[in-house]
Amino acid sequence: MPLLLRYKRGKMRDNGRPIFTKEELKKIIEDAGGPAAIYASLKIFTERSNRMFAAMERLTEQYPHKWGSILDNGELCIGDTRRDVMDQLEKAGQTGTPVIKYLDPDPPLMII
């Protein structure tokens, strides 16, 4: 129920009103399948992100300047464009939010 907790903490717009009303928030949660479905999809996305992060160095060495993703069964989807990888994911029947990364051997430096 992270969304409900956020509402209770009072995230506000500039005008001092909550970003979502309770009714809007309930509808968002209902449309997403309920709290359990939201939690399950976040868990799957976290697992996919961790798997991709762990493989990034190896994949970047093997497939520089390509786009890549890893299916839940461990198979790779590699393409010249993000759309190529999306098409492969769809063809494989992968559902949910994918983790697709550009395999850049010389990524830009980010100072945060």
N, C-alpha and C. Protein backbone atom coordinates (compact mmCIF):
# COMPACT_ATOMS: atom_id res chain seq x y z
N MET A 1 0.78 -1.20 0.00
CA MET A 1 0.00 0.00 0.00
C MET A 1 0.83 1.28 0.00
N PRO A 2 1.95 1.32 -0.68
CA PRO A 2 2.78 2.52 -0.66
C PRO A 2 2.03 3.76 -1.14
N LEU A 3 1.11 3.61 -2.09
CA LEU A 3 0.39 4.78 -2.59
C LEU A 3 -0.48 5.41 -1.51
N LEU A 4 -1.13 4.58 -0.71
CA LEU A 4 -1.96 5.11 0.37
C LEU A 4 -1.11 5.81 1.42
N LEU A 5 0.05 5.24 1.71
CA LEU A 5 0.93 5.88 2.69
C LEU A 5 1.39 7.23 2.18
N ARG A 6 1.68 7.32 0.91
CA ARG A 6 2.10 8.59 0.34
C ARG A 6 0.98 9.62 0.48
N TYR A 7 -0.24 9.19 0.25
CA TYR A 7 -1.37 10.12 0.39
C TYR A 7 -1.47 10.61 1.83
N LYS A 8 -1.35 9.70 2.77
CA LYS A 8 -1.48 10.07 4.18
C LYS A 8 -0.38 11.02 4.62
N ARG A 9 0.78 10.92 3.99
CA ARG A 9 1.86 11.83 4.33
C ARG A 9 1.60 13.23 3.79
N GLY A 10 0.60 13.34 2.93
CA GLY A 10 0.16 14.66 2.49
C GLY A 10 0.97 15.28 1.38
N LYS A 11 1.40 14.50 0.39
CA LYS A 11 2.08 15.07 -0.77
C LYS A 11 1.15 16.10 -1.39
N MET A 12 1.62 17.31 -1.52
CA MET A 12 0.74 18.40 -1.94
C MET A 12 1.16 19.02 -3.26
N ARG A 13 0.18 19.57 -3.94
CA ARG A 13 0.44 20.40 -5.12
C ARG A 13 0.85 21.78 -4.64
N ASP A 14 1.21 22.64 -5.58
CA ASP A 14 1.57 24.02 -5.23
C ASP A 14 0.42 24.76 -4.55
N ASN A 15 -0.82 24.38 -4.91
CA ASN A 15 -1.98 25.07 -4.33
C ASN A 15 -2.36 24.53 -2.95
N GLY A 16 -1.58 23.61 -2.41
CA GLY A 16 -1.84 23.08 -1.08
C GLY A 16 -2.80 21.91 -1.04
N ARG A 17 -3.34 21.50 -2.19
CA ARG A 17 -4.25 20.36 -2.23
C ARG A 17 -3.45 19.09 -2.53
N PRO A 18 -3.92 17.93 -2.05
CA PRO A 18 -3.22 16.67 -2.34
C PRO A 18 -3.13 16.43 -3.85
N ILE A 19 -2.09 15.72 -4.27
CA ILE A 19 -1.92 15.39 -5.69
C ILE A 19 -3.11 14.57 -6.17
N PHE A 20 -3.56 13.61 -5.37
CA PHE A 20 -4.73 12.80 -5.68
C PHE A 20 -5.71 12.89 -4.53
N THR A 21 -6.99 12.89 -4.86
CA THR A 21 -7.99 12.76 -3.81
C THR A 21 -8.03 11.29 -3.40
N LYS A 22 -8.66 11.00 -2.27
CA LYS A 22 -8.79 9.61 -1.84
C LYS A 22 -9.51 8.78 -2.89
N GLU A 23 -10.53 9.36 -3.50
CA GLU A 23 -11.30 8.64 -4.51
C GLU A 23 -10.44 8.34 -5.74
N GLU A 24 -9.66 9.33 -6.18
CA GLU A 24 -8.77 9.11 -7.33
C GLU A 24 -7.74 8.04 -7.01
N LEU A 25 -7.20 8.08 -5.83
CA LEU A 25 -6.19 7.10 -5.43
C LEU A 25 -6.78 5.70 -5.36
N LYS A 26 -7.97 5.58 -4.82
CA LYS A 26 -8.64 4.27 -4.77
C LYS A 26 -8.87 3.74 -6.18
N LYS A 27 -9.26 4.61 -7.12
CA LYS A 27 -9.49 4.20 -8.50
C LYS A 27 -8.19 3.75 -9.16
N ILE A 28 -7.10 4.47 -8.93
CA ILE A 28 -5.80 4.10 -9.48
C ILE A 28 -5.40 2.71 -9.00
N ILE A 29 -5.55 2.48 -7.70
CA ILE A 29 -5.19 1.18 -7.12
C ILE A 29 -6.09 0.08 -7.67
N GLU A 30 -7.39 0.35 -7.75
CA GLU A 30 -8.33 -0.63 -8.28
C GLU A 30 -8.02 -0.96 -9.74
N ASP A 31 -7.74 0.06 -10.55
CA ASP A 31 -7.43 -0.15 -11.97
C ASP A 31 -6.13 -0.94 -12.16
N ALA A 32 -5.23 -0.85 -11.19
CA ALA A 32 -3.96 -1.58 -11.26
C ALA A 32 -4.10 -3.01 -10.73
N GLY A 33 -5.29 -3.39 -10.28
CA GLY A 33 -5.50 -4.75 -9.81
C GLY A 33 -5.47 -4.90 -8.30
N GLY A 34 -5.34 -3.80 -7.60
CA GLY A 34 -5.32 -3.84 -6.14
C GLY A 34 -3.90 -3.81 -5.59
N PRO A 35 -3.77 -3.63 -4.28
CA PRO A 35 -2.44 -3.52 -3.66
C PRO A 35 -1.55 -4.74 -3.90
N ALA A 36 -2.14 -5.94 -3.86
CA ALA A 36 -1.33 -7.15 -4.06
C ALA A 36 -0.74 -7.20 -5.47
N ALA A 37 -1.53 -6.80 -6.47
CA ALA A 37 -1.04 -6.80 -7.85
C ALA A 37 0.05 -5.74 -8.04
N ILE A 38 -0.12 -4.59 -7.41
CA ILE A 38 0.90 -3.55 -7.50
C ILE A 38 2.20 -4.04 -6.88
N TYR A 39 2.10 -4.65 -5.71
CA TYR A 39 3.29 -5.17 -5.03
C TYR A 39 3.97 -6.24 -5.88
N ALA A 40 3.18 -7.15 -6.46
CA ALA A 40 3.75 -8.22 -7.28
C ALA A 40 4.48 -7.66 -8.50
N SER A 41 3.90 -6.65 -9.16
CA SER A 41 4.55 -6.08 -10.34
C SER A 41 5.83 -5.33 -9.95
N LEU A 42 5.82 -4.67 -8.80
CA LEU A 42 7.04 -4.00 -8.34
C LEU A 42 8.13 -5.01 -8.00
N LYS A 43 7.74 -6.12 -7.42
CA LYS A 43 8.71 -7.18 -7.08
C LYS A 43 9.34 -7.76 -8.35
N ILE A 44 8.51 -8.03 -9.35
CA ILE A 44 9.02 -8.56 -10.63
C ILE A 44 9.96 -7.55 -11.28
N PHE A 45 9.57 -6.28 -11.29
CA PHE A 45 10.43 -5.25 -11.90
C PHE A 45 11.76 -5.15 -11.15
N THR A 46 11.73 -5.25 -9.83
CA THR A 46 12.97 -5.20 -9.05
C THR A 46 13.87 -6.38 -9.40
N GLU A 47 13.30 -7.56 -9.53
CA GLU A 47 14.08 -8.74 -9.90
C GLU A 47 14.69 -8.57 -11.29
N ARG A 48 13.91 -8.05 -12.23
CA ARG A 48 14.42 -7.82 -13.58
C ARG A 48 15.54 -6.78 -13.57
N SER A 49 15.37 -5.73 -12.81
CA SER A 49 16.39 -4.68 -12.71
C SER A 49 17.68 -5.24 -12.13
N ASN A 50 17.56 -6.02 -11.07
CA ASN A 50 18.74 -6.61 -10.44
C ASN A 50 19.47 -7.56 -11.39
N ARG A 51 18.70 -8.37 -12.13
CA ARG A 51 19.30 -9.30 -13.09
C ARG A 51 20.05 -8.54 -14.18
N MET A 52 19.44 -7.46 -14.68
CA MET A 52 20.07 -6.67 -15.74
C MET A 52 21.31 -5.97 -15.20
N PHE A 53 21.22 -5.39 -14.01
CA PHE A 53 22.36 -4.69 -13.42
C PHE A 53 23.53 -5.65 -13.25
N ALA A 54 23.27 -6.87 -12.79
CA ALA A 54 24.33 -7.85 -12.57
C ALA A 54 25.00 -8.27 -13.88
N ALA A 55 24.27 -8.22 -14.99
CA ALA A 55 24.80 -8.67 -16.28
C ALA A 55 25.34 -7.54 -17.15
N MET A 56 25.17 -6.30 -16.75
CA MET A 56 25.50 -5.16 -17.62
C MET A 56 26.93 -5.19 -18.14
N GLU A 57 27.90 -5.42 -17.28
CA GLU A 57 29.30 -5.38 -17.72
C GLU A 57 29.56 -6.45 -18.78
N ARG A 58 29.11 -7.67 -18.52
CA ARG A 58 29.31 -8.78 -19.46
C ARG A 58 28.58 -8.50 -20.78
N LEU A 59 27.34 -8.04 -20.70
CA LEU A 59 26.57 -7.77 -21.92
C LEU A 59 27.18 -6.63 -22.73
N THR A 60 27.67 -5.61 -22.03
CA THR A 60 28.27 -4.47 -22.73
C THR A 60 29.53 -4.90 -23.47
N GLU A 61 30.31 -5.81 -22.88
CA GLU A 61 31.50 -6.32 -23.57
C GLU A 61 31.12 -7.14 -24.80
N GLN A 62 30.07 -7.95 -24.68
CA GLN A 62 29.66 -8.83 -25.78
C GLN A 62 28.88 -8.10 -26.87
N TYR A 63 28.09 -7.10 -26.47
CA TYR A 63 27.19 -6.43 -27.42
C TYR A 63 27.29 -4.91 -27.29
N PRO A 64 28.48 -4.35 -27.54
CA PRO A 64 28.61 -2.89 -27.38
C PRO A 64 27.72 -2.14 -28.37
N HIS A 65 27.18 -1.02 -27.91
CA HIS A 65 26.34 -0.13 -28.73
C HIS A 65 25.07 -0.81 -29.23
N LYS A 66 24.58 -1.78 -28.49
CA LYS A 66 23.30 -2.43 -28.78
C LYS A 66 22.35 -2.15 -27.62
N TRP A 67 21.10 -2.49 -27.81
CA TRP A 67 20.10 -2.43 -26.75
C TRP A 67 19.88 -3.85 -26.26
N GLY A 68 19.65 -4.01 -24.96
CA GLY A 68 19.49 -5.36 -24.43
C GLY A 68 18.50 -5.47 -23.30
N SER A 69 17.97 -6.67 -23.16
CA SER A 69 17.07 -7.01 -22.06
C SER A 69 17.23 -8.50 -21.81
N ILE A 70 16.82 -8.93 -20.62
CA ILE A 70 16.89 -10.34 -20.26
C ILE A 70 15.48 -10.80 -19.92
N LEU A 71 15.04 -11.86 -20.60
CA LEU A 71 13.72 -12.42 -20.31
C LEU A 71 13.72 -13.05 -18.92
N ASP A 72 12.54 -13.26 -18.38
CA ASP A 72 12.44 -13.88 -17.06
C ASP A 72 13.05 -15.27 -17.03
N ASN A 73 13.08 -15.95 -18.19
CA ASN A 73 13.68 -17.29 -18.24
C ASN A 73 15.19 -17.24 -18.47
N GLY A 74 15.77 -16.04 -18.54
CA GLY A 74 17.22 -15.89 -18.69
C GLY A 74 17.71 -15.66 -20.10
N GLU A 75 16.84 -15.82 -21.09
CA GLU A 75 17.24 -15.59 -22.48
C GLU A 75 17.48 -14.11 -22.72
N LEU A 76 18.40 -13.83 -23.65
CA LEU A 76 18.73 -12.44 -23.99
C LEU A 76 17.90 -11.95 -25.16
N CYS A 77 17.60 -10.69 -25.14
CA CYS A 77 17.01 -9.99 -26.27
C CYS A 77 17.97 -8.84 -26.58
N ILE A 78 18.61 -8.90 -27.74
CA ILE A 78 19.59 -7.89 -28.14
C ILE A 78 19.16 -7.33 -29.49
N GLY A 79 19.23 -6.01 -29.64
CA GLY A 79 18.85 -5.40 -30.90
C GLY A 79 19.57 -4.09 -31.14
N ASP A 80 19.47 -3.62 -32.38
CA ASP A 80 20.09 -2.34 -32.74
C ASP A 80 19.31 -1.15 -32.20
N THR A 81 18.01 -1.36 -31.98
CA THR A 81 17.17 -0.28 -31.44
C THR A 81 16.36 -0.80 -30.27
N ARG A 82 15.86 0.13 -29.50
CA ARG A 82 14.99 -0.24 -28.38
C ARG A 82 13.73 -0.94 -28.91
N ARG A 83 13.22 -0.47 -30.03
CA ARG A 83 12.03 -1.08 -30.64
C ARG A 83 12.31 -2.54 -31.01
N ASP A 84 13.52 -2.84 -31.53
CA ASP A 84 13.88 -4.22 -31.86
C ASP A 84 13.74 -5.11 -30.62
N VAL A 85 14.24 -4.62 -29.50
CA VAL A 85 14.19 -5.40 -28.26
C VAL A 85 12.74 -5.53 -27.78
N MET A 86 11.96 -4.46 -27.87
CA MET A 86 10.55 -4.52 -27.48
C MET A 86 9.80 -5.57 -28.32
N ASP A 87 10.09 -5.61 -29.62
CA ASP A 87 9.45 -6.59 -30.49
C ASP A 87 9.81 -8.01 -30.06
N GLN A 88 11.08 -8.23 -29.70
CA GLN A 88 11.51 -9.55 -29.24
C GLN A 88 10.81 -9.94 -27.93
N LEU A 89 10.68 -8.97 -27.02
CA LEU A 89 10.01 -9.23 -25.75
C LEU A 89 8.55 -9.60 -25.97
N GLU A 90 7.89 -8.86 -26.86
CA GLU A 90 6.49 -9.15 -27.17
C GLU A 90 6.33 -10.52 -27.82
N LYS A 91 7.23 -10.84 -28.75
CA LYS A 91 7.19 -12.13 -29.44
C LYS A 91 7.39 -13.28 -28.45
N ALA A 92 8.23 -13.05 -27.43
CA ALA A 92 8.50 -14.07 -26.42
C ALA A 92 7.39 -14.17 -25.39
N GLY A 93 6.44 -13.24 -25.43
CA GLY A 93 5.32 -13.27 -24.50
C GLY A 93 5.62 -12.66 -23.14
N GLN A 94 6.69 -11.89 -23.06
CA GLN A 94 7.05 -11.24 -21.79
C GLN A 94 6.01 -10.19 -21.45
N THR A 95 5.50 -10.21 -20.24
CA THR A 95 4.51 -9.24 -19.81
C THR A 95 5.10 -8.33 -18.74
N GLY A 96 4.40 -7.28 -18.43
CA GLY A 96 4.85 -6.36 -17.39
C GLY A 96 5.84 -5.35 -17.93
N THR A 97 6.39 -4.57 -17.03
CA THR A 97 7.33 -3.51 -17.40
C THR A 97 8.71 -4.11 -17.66
N PRO A 98 9.25 -3.93 -18.86
CA PRO A 98 10.56 -4.50 -19.16
C PRO A 98 11.70 -3.60 -18.66
N VAL A 99 12.86 -4.19 -18.52
CA VAL A 99 14.08 -3.44 -18.24
C VAL A 99 14.94 -3.57 -19.49
N ILE A 100 15.06 -2.47 -20.21
CA ILE A 100 15.83 -2.43 -21.45
C ILE A 100 16.92 -1.38 -21.28
N LYS A 101 18.15 -1.77 -21.57
CA LYS A 101 19.27 -0.85 -21.38
C LYS A 101 20.08 -0.73 -22.67
N TYR A 102 20.63 0.47 -22.87
CA TYR A 102 21.59 0.67 -23.95
C TYR A 102 22.94 0.24 -23.42
N LEU A 103 23.61 -0.63 -24.16
CA LEU A 103 24.87 -1.22 -23.72
C LEU A 103 26.03 -0.35 -24.21
N ASP A 104 26.27 0.71 -23.49
CA ASP A 104 27.26 1.73 -23.85
C ASP A 104 28.59 1.42 -23.18
N PRO A 105 29.63 1.09 -23.98
CA PRO A 105 30.93 0.79 -23.38
C PRO A 105 31.62 2.02 -22.79
N ASP A 106 31.16 3.20 -23.16
CA ASP A 106 31.75 4.43 -22.63
C ASP A 106 30.62 5.37 -22.18
N PRO A 107 29.93 5.00 -21.09
CA PRO A 107 28.79 5.81 -20.67
C PRO A 107 29.21 7.19 -20.20
N PRO A 108 28.33 8.17 -20.36
CA PRO A 108 28.67 9.52 -19.91
C PRO A 108 28.81 9.57 -18.39
N LEU A 109 29.70 10.42 -17.94
CA LEU A 109 29.92 10.59 -16.51
C LEU A 109 28.77 11.38 -15.92
N MET A 110 28.23 10.88 -14.83
CA MET A 110 27.13 11.59 -14.16
C MET A 110 27.58 11.96 -12.75
N ILE A 111 27.48 13.22 -12.44
CA ILE A 111 27.78 13.68 -11.09
C ILE A 111 26.47 14.08 -10.46
N ILE A 112 26.16 13.43 -9.36
CA ILE A 112 24.87 13.69 -8.70
C ILE A 112 25.11 14.40 -7.39
